Amino acid sequence: MNLQTIDRLAYALTAMNNAGREVVLVTSGAIGVGLAAQHLTERPQAIAEQQALAAIGQSSLMRLYGERFSDYGAAIAQLLLTHDVFDFPESRQHVLDTITQLLAQHVIPIINENDSVATDELDHKTTFGDNDQLSALVATSIDADLLIVLSDIAGLYDQNPRRHPDAALIPVVAGPAALGQVHASGAGSRFGTGGMVTKLNAARTMMAAGKQMVLCSGADPKILLQVLAGQPVGTWFEAKEGQS
């Protein structure tokens, strides 16, 4: 994990929280931290090994978040979820109630998939299990106004910018019809499981709920403040044409 990035993220989210905005963070990184703790350089393929690394890394990940948010005077709470929580109204409501109470107490919920017991995100054969989709499920469940997805890419491009230097950033995708014309590959980062496909799936989930999503670079999380200030960064996914 990049400690400077975590520090900047803590700063930006604390600033938003102090300004009266209700902030929920959906994170990943438990397995990556576990890899570092075990001095490993490659993510194992066996699900049991990945789950063990997640168990090792999750506590260290939250310790890092706790230290950085504490530096800025913010309180945090951890929620580990599995996708089946959202399949049942009662468990879904319990999650909503917990998040609502935390926000009422000005505590920032930090949510991650419970990789130690879940297999969806770890199984590379599925495109449903990932924290992009988890963030969209959380956002729609709590009726969030906006989902901001921080990525290793600046937004949605008309072609793969890693292969085509002349690729152009698409500033707005207006509605499901426009989103349906977008094509993307599913390759993710070295240690992650996501990719542009999972981010577009998250955008579809948000659009179906009538909500907006922004995809932008997470290199400097202070970009969150630029998004909220209405500056033209990343790609905005609008629920319908002409919404912005």
Protein backbone atom coordinates (compact mmCIF):
# COMPACT_ATOMS: atom_id res chain seq x y z
CA MET A 1 0.00 0.00 0.00
CA ASN A 2 1.16 3.53 -0.76
CA LEU A 3 1.26 5.28 2.61
CA GLN A 4 1.25 8.73 1.04
CA THR A 5 -1.90 7.87 -0.90
CA ILE A 6 -3.62 6.62 2.27
CA ASP A 7 -2.60 9.81 4.06
CA ARG A 8 -4.02 12.00 1.30
CA LEU A 9 -7.19 9.93 1.22
CA ALA A 10 -7.61 10.34 4.97
CA TYR A 11 -7.08 14.09 4.62
CA ALA A 12 -9.62 14.46 1.82
CA LEU A 13 -12.31 12.31 3.44
CA THR A 14 -11.84 14.01 6.80
CA ALA A 15 -12.19 17.40 5.13
CA MET A 16 -15.41 16.23 3.49
CA ASN A 17 -16.67 14.84 6.79
CA ASN A 18 -15.86 18.07 8.61
CA ALA A 19 -17.74 20.01 5.92
CA GLY A 20 -20.89 18.09 6.81
CA ARG A 21 -20.84 15.50 4.04
CA GLU A 22 -21.67 11.91 4.87
CA VAL A 23 -18.73 9.82 3.70
CA VAL A 24 -18.43 6.05 3.31
CA LEU A 25 -15.19 4.47 2.07
CA VAL A 26 -15.17 1.13 0.27
CA THR A 27 -11.61 -0.12 0.16
CA SER A 28 -9.55 -3.04 -1.00
CA GLY A 29 -5.96 -3.99 -0.29
CA ALA A 30 -6.14 -6.63 2.43
CA ILE A 31 -4.51 -9.27 0.25
CA GLY A 32 -1.89 -6.81 -1.00
CA VAL A 33 -0.96 -5.91 2.57
CA GLY A 34 -0.91 -9.60 3.44
CA LEU A 35 1.48 -10.26 0.57
CA ALA A 36 3.83 -7.58 1.87
CA ALA A 37 3.62 -8.93 5.42
CA GLN A 38 4.55 -12.39 4.19
CA HIS A 39 7.28 -11.04 1.89
CA LEU A 40 5.58 -12.44 -1.21
CA THR A 41 5.79 -10.86 -4.65
CA GLU A 42 3.07 -12.76 -6.50
CA ARG A 43 -0.59 -13.25 -5.63
CA PRO A 44 -1.27 -17.00 -5.23
CA GLN A 45 -3.96 -18.69 -7.31
CA ALA A 46 -5.36 -20.96 -4.59
CA ILE A 47 -8.40 -19.39 -2.92
CA ALA A 48 -7.44 -20.74 0.52
CA GLU A 49 -4.04 -19.05 0.26
CA GLN A 50 -5.64 -15.77 -0.79
CA GLN A 51 -8.10 -15.96 2.10
CA ALA A 52 -5.26 -16.50 4.55
CA LEU A 53 -3.42 -13.49 3.15
CA ALA A 54 -6.61 -11.41 3.46
CA ALA A 55 -6.91 -12.39 7.12
CA ILE A 56 -3.29 -11.39 7.70
CA GLY A 57 -3.58 -8.14 5.80
CA GLN A 58 -6.96 -6.82 6.95
CA SER A 59 -5.89 -5.93 10.49
CA SER A 60 -2.77 -4.17 9.23
CA LEU A 61 -4.80 -2.33 6.60
CA MET A 62 -7.20 -1.00 9.22
CA ARG A 63 -4.30 -0.05 11.49
CA LEU A 64 -2.89 2.06 8.66
CA TYR A 65 -6.25 3.72 8.08
CA GLY A 66 -6.75 4.24 11.81
CA GLU A 67 -3.40 5.97 12.22
CA ARG A 68 -3.86 8.25 9.23
CA PHE A 69 -7.44 9.25 9.99
CA SER A 70 -6.55 9.81 13.64
CA ASP A 71 -3.85 12.25 12.54
CA TYR A 72 -6.63 14.42 11.11
CA GLY A 73 -9.00 13.93 14.04
CA ALA A 74 -11.45 11.57 12.34
CA ALA A 75 -12.99 8.42 13.80
CA ILE A 76 -13.44 5.33 11.62
CA ALA A 77 -15.25 2.00 11.84
CA GLN A 78 -14.73 -1.28 9.99
CA LEU A 79 -17.43 -3.28 8.23
CA LEU A 80 -16.57 -6.53 6.45
CA LEU A 81 -19.33 -7.63 4.09
CA THR A 82 -20.11 -10.44 1.70
CA HIS A 83 -22.33 -10.05 -1.34
CA ASP A 84 -25.03 -12.34 0.03
CA VAL A 85 -25.76 -9.68 2.65
CA PHE A 86 -27.44 -7.72 -0.12
CA ASP A 87 -29.54 -10.68 -1.25
CA PHE A 88 -31.73 -10.68 1.86
CA PRO A 89 -33.80 -7.65 2.94
CA GLU A 90 -33.25 -8.23 6.67
CA SER A 91 -29.45 -8.42 6.51
CA ARG A 92 -29.35 -5.57 4.02
CA GLN A 93 -31.37 -3.43 6.43
CA HIS A 94 -29.04 -4.28 9.31
CA VAL A 95 -26.09 -3.02 7.27
CA LEU A 96 -27.99 0.14 6.37
CA ASP A 97 -28.92 0.74 10.02
CA THR A 98 -25.32 0.31 11.14
CA ILE A 99 -23.98 2.70 8.52
CA THR A 100 -26.71 5.22 9.33
CA GLN A 101 -25.80 5.15 13.02
CA LEU A 102 -22.11 5.57 12.29
CA LEU A 103 -22.75 8.55 10.03
CA ALA A 104 -25.01 10.10 12.66
CA GLN A 105 -22.05 9.93 15.05
CA HIS A 106 -19.73 11.47 12.42
CA VAL A 107 -17.78 8.23 12.16
CA ILE A 108 -16.46 7.27 8.72
CA PRO A 109 -17.39 3.67 7.84
CA ILE A 110 -14.64 1.78 6.01
CA ILE A 111 -16.05 -1.20 4.14
CA ASN A 112 -14.23 -4.11 2.57
CA GLU A 113 -15.32 -7.46 1.24
CA ASN A 114 -14.74 -10.19 3.82
CA ASP A 115 -12.22 -12.00 1.66
CA SER A 116 -11.46 -14.55 4.36
CA VAL A 117 -14.90 -16.13 3.90
CA ALA A 118 -16.06 -14.86 0.49
CA THR A 119 -14.97 -16.43 -2.77
CA ASP A 120 -16.66 -14.23 -5.41
CA GLU A 121 -13.93 -11.60 -5.44
CA LEU A 122 -11.14 -14.16 -5.27
CA ASP A 123 -12.43 -16.32 -8.10
CA HIS A 124 -10.94 -14.82 -11.24
CA LYS A 125 -13.59 -16.59 -13.34
CA THR A 126 -16.33 -14.26 -12.11
CA THR A 127 -16.77 -10.57 -12.86
CA PHE A 128 -19.37 -9.98 -10.13
CA GLY A 129 -17.10 -10.29 -7.13
CA ASP A 130 -15.06 -7.11 -6.82
CA ASN A 131 -14.98 -3.95 -4.76
CA ASP A 132 -16.20 -1.80 -7.65
CA GLN A 133 -19.50 -3.64 -7.62
CA LEU A 134 -19.50 -3.79 -3.82
CA SER A 135 -19.16 -0.01 -3.70
CA ALA A 136 -22.12 0.37 -6.05
CA LEU A 137 -24.24 -2.00 -3.95
CA VAL A 138 -23.37 -0.06 -0.81
CA ALA A 139 -24.02 3.29 -2.50
CA THR A 140 -27.44 2.29 -3.78
CA SER A 141 -28.38 0.63 -0.49
CA ILE A 142 -27.67 3.77 1.54
CA ASP A 143 -29.18 6.03 -1.14
CA ALA A 144 -25.90 7.88 -1.68
CA ASP A 145 -26.00 10.90 -3.96
CA LEU A 146 -22.72 10.04 -5.67
CA LEU A 147 -20.23 7.19 -6.01
CA ILE A 148 -16.63 8.20 -6.71
CA VAL A 149 -14.42 5.36 -7.93
CA LEU A 150 -10.70 6.01 -7.56
CA SER A 151 -8.64 3.99 -10.01
CA ASP A 152 -5.18 3.61 -11.52
CA ILE A 153 -6.56 5.25 -14.65
CA ALA A 154 -7.84 8.81 -15.08
CA GLY A 155 -11.27 7.81 -16.38
CA LEU A 156 -12.93 6.06 -19.30
CA TYR A 157 -11.12 6.35 -22.63
CA ASP A 158 -12.25 5.71 -26.19
CA GLN A 159 -9.52 3.04 -26.38
CA ASN A 160 -6.99 1.48 -24.03
CA PRO A 161 -4.60 4.33 -23.11
CA ARG A 162 -1.90 1.87 -22.11
CA ARG A 163 -1.77 0.58 -25.66
CA HIS A 164 -2.80 3.70 -27.55
CA PRO A 165 -1.06 6.95 -26.50
CA ASP A 166 -3.57 8.95 -28.53
CA ALA A 167 -6.54 7.63 -26.55
CA ALA A 168 -9.00 10.36 -25.57
CA LEU A 169 -10.71 10.68 -22.20
CA ILE A 170 -14.51 10.49 -22.33
CA PRO A 171 -15.73 13.20 -19.91
CA VAL A 172 -19.38 12.12 -19.71
CA VAL A 173 -21.35 8.94 -20.34
CA ALA A 174 -24.95 10.09 -20.40
CA GLY A 175 -27.39 7.32 -19.62
CA PRO A 176 -27.67 3.55 -20.12
CA ALA A 177 -27.85 3.79 -23.92
CA ALA A 178 -24.49 5.56 -24.10
CA LEU A 179 -23.01 3.13 -21.58
CA GLY A 180 -24.22 0.22 -23.69
CA GLN A 181 -22.00 1.41 -26.53
CA VAL A 182 -18.87 1.26 -24.38
CA HIS A 183 -16.53 -1.70 -24.68
CA ALA A 184 -13.75 -2.52 -22.22
CA SER A 185 -11.36 -5.27 -21.24
CA GLY A 186 -11.43 -7.03 -17.89
CA ALA A 187 -7.74 -6.96 -17.02
CA GLY A 188 -7.01 -5.53 -13.60
CA SER A 189 -3.91 -4.45 -11.74
CA ARG A 190 -1.12 -6.77 -10.69
CA PHE A 191 -2.58 -7.65 -7.29
CA GLY A 192 -6.21 -6.69 -7.86
CA THR A 193 -9.13 -8.45 -9.50
CA GLY A 194 -10.92 -5.52 -11.09
CA GLY A 195 -10.66 -3.79 -14.43
CA MET A 196 -12.69 -1.44 -16.59
CA VAL A 197 -15.42 -4.07 -17.03
CA THR A 198 -16.13 -4.13 -13.29
CA LYS A 199 -16.21 -0.34 -13.17
CA LEU A 200 -18.71 -0.20 -16.01
CA ASN A 201 -20.83 -2.79 -14.20
CA ALA A 202 -20.76 -0.54 -11.13
CA ALA A 203 -21.86 2.38 -13.32
CA ARG A 204 -24.79 0.29 -14.60
CA THR A 205 -25.84 -0.47 -11.04
CA MET A 206 -25.75 3.23 -10.18
CA MET A 207 -27.63 4.25 -13.32
CA ALA A 208 -30.34 1.67 -12.63
CA ALA A 209 -30.85 3.34 -9.25
CA GLY A 210 -30.94 6.80 -10.80
CA LYS A 211 -27.58 7.75 -9.29
CA GLN A 212 -24.36 9.27 -10.59
CA MET A 213 -20.85 7.83 -10.56
CA VAL A 214 -17.47 9.40 -11.25
CA LEU A 215 -14.41 7.41 -12.31
CA CYS A 216 -11.11 9.22 -11.79
CA SER A 217 -7.47 8.73 -10.90
CA GLY A 218 -6.66 7.80 -7.32
CA ALA A 219 -3.00 8.81 -7.61
CA ASP A 220 -3.82 11.83 -5.46
CA PRO A 221 -7.06 11.26 -3.52
CA LYS A 222 -7.41 15.01 -3.00
CA ILE A 223 -9.06 14.82 -6.42
CA LEU A 224 -12.18 14.00 -4.39
CA LEU A 225 -12.35 17.64 -3.39
CA GLN A 226 -12.08 18.66 -7.05
CA VAL A 227 -14.97 16.34 -7.94
CA LEU A 228 -17.17 17.84 -5.24
CA ALA A 229 -16.21 21.33 -6.39
CA GLY A 230 -17.58 20.46 -9.83
CA GLN A 231 -14.25 20.58 -11.61
CA PRO A 232 -14.02 18.59 -14.88
CA VAL A 233 -12.01 15.57 -13.79
CA GLY A 234 -12.39 11.92 -14.75
CA THR A 235 -15.52 10.51 -16.35
CA TRP A 236 -19.01 11.24 -15.07
CA PHE A 237 -21.62 8.53 -15.54
CA GLU A 238 -25.05 10.15 -15.57
CA ALA A 239 -28.21 8.18 -14.84
CA LYS A 240 -29.91 9.77 -17.83
CA GLU A 241 -29.03 11.96 -20.77
CA GLY A 242 -28.54 15.61 -19.90
CA GLN A 243 -28.57 15.05 -16.13
CA SER A 244 -25.45 17.02 -15.13
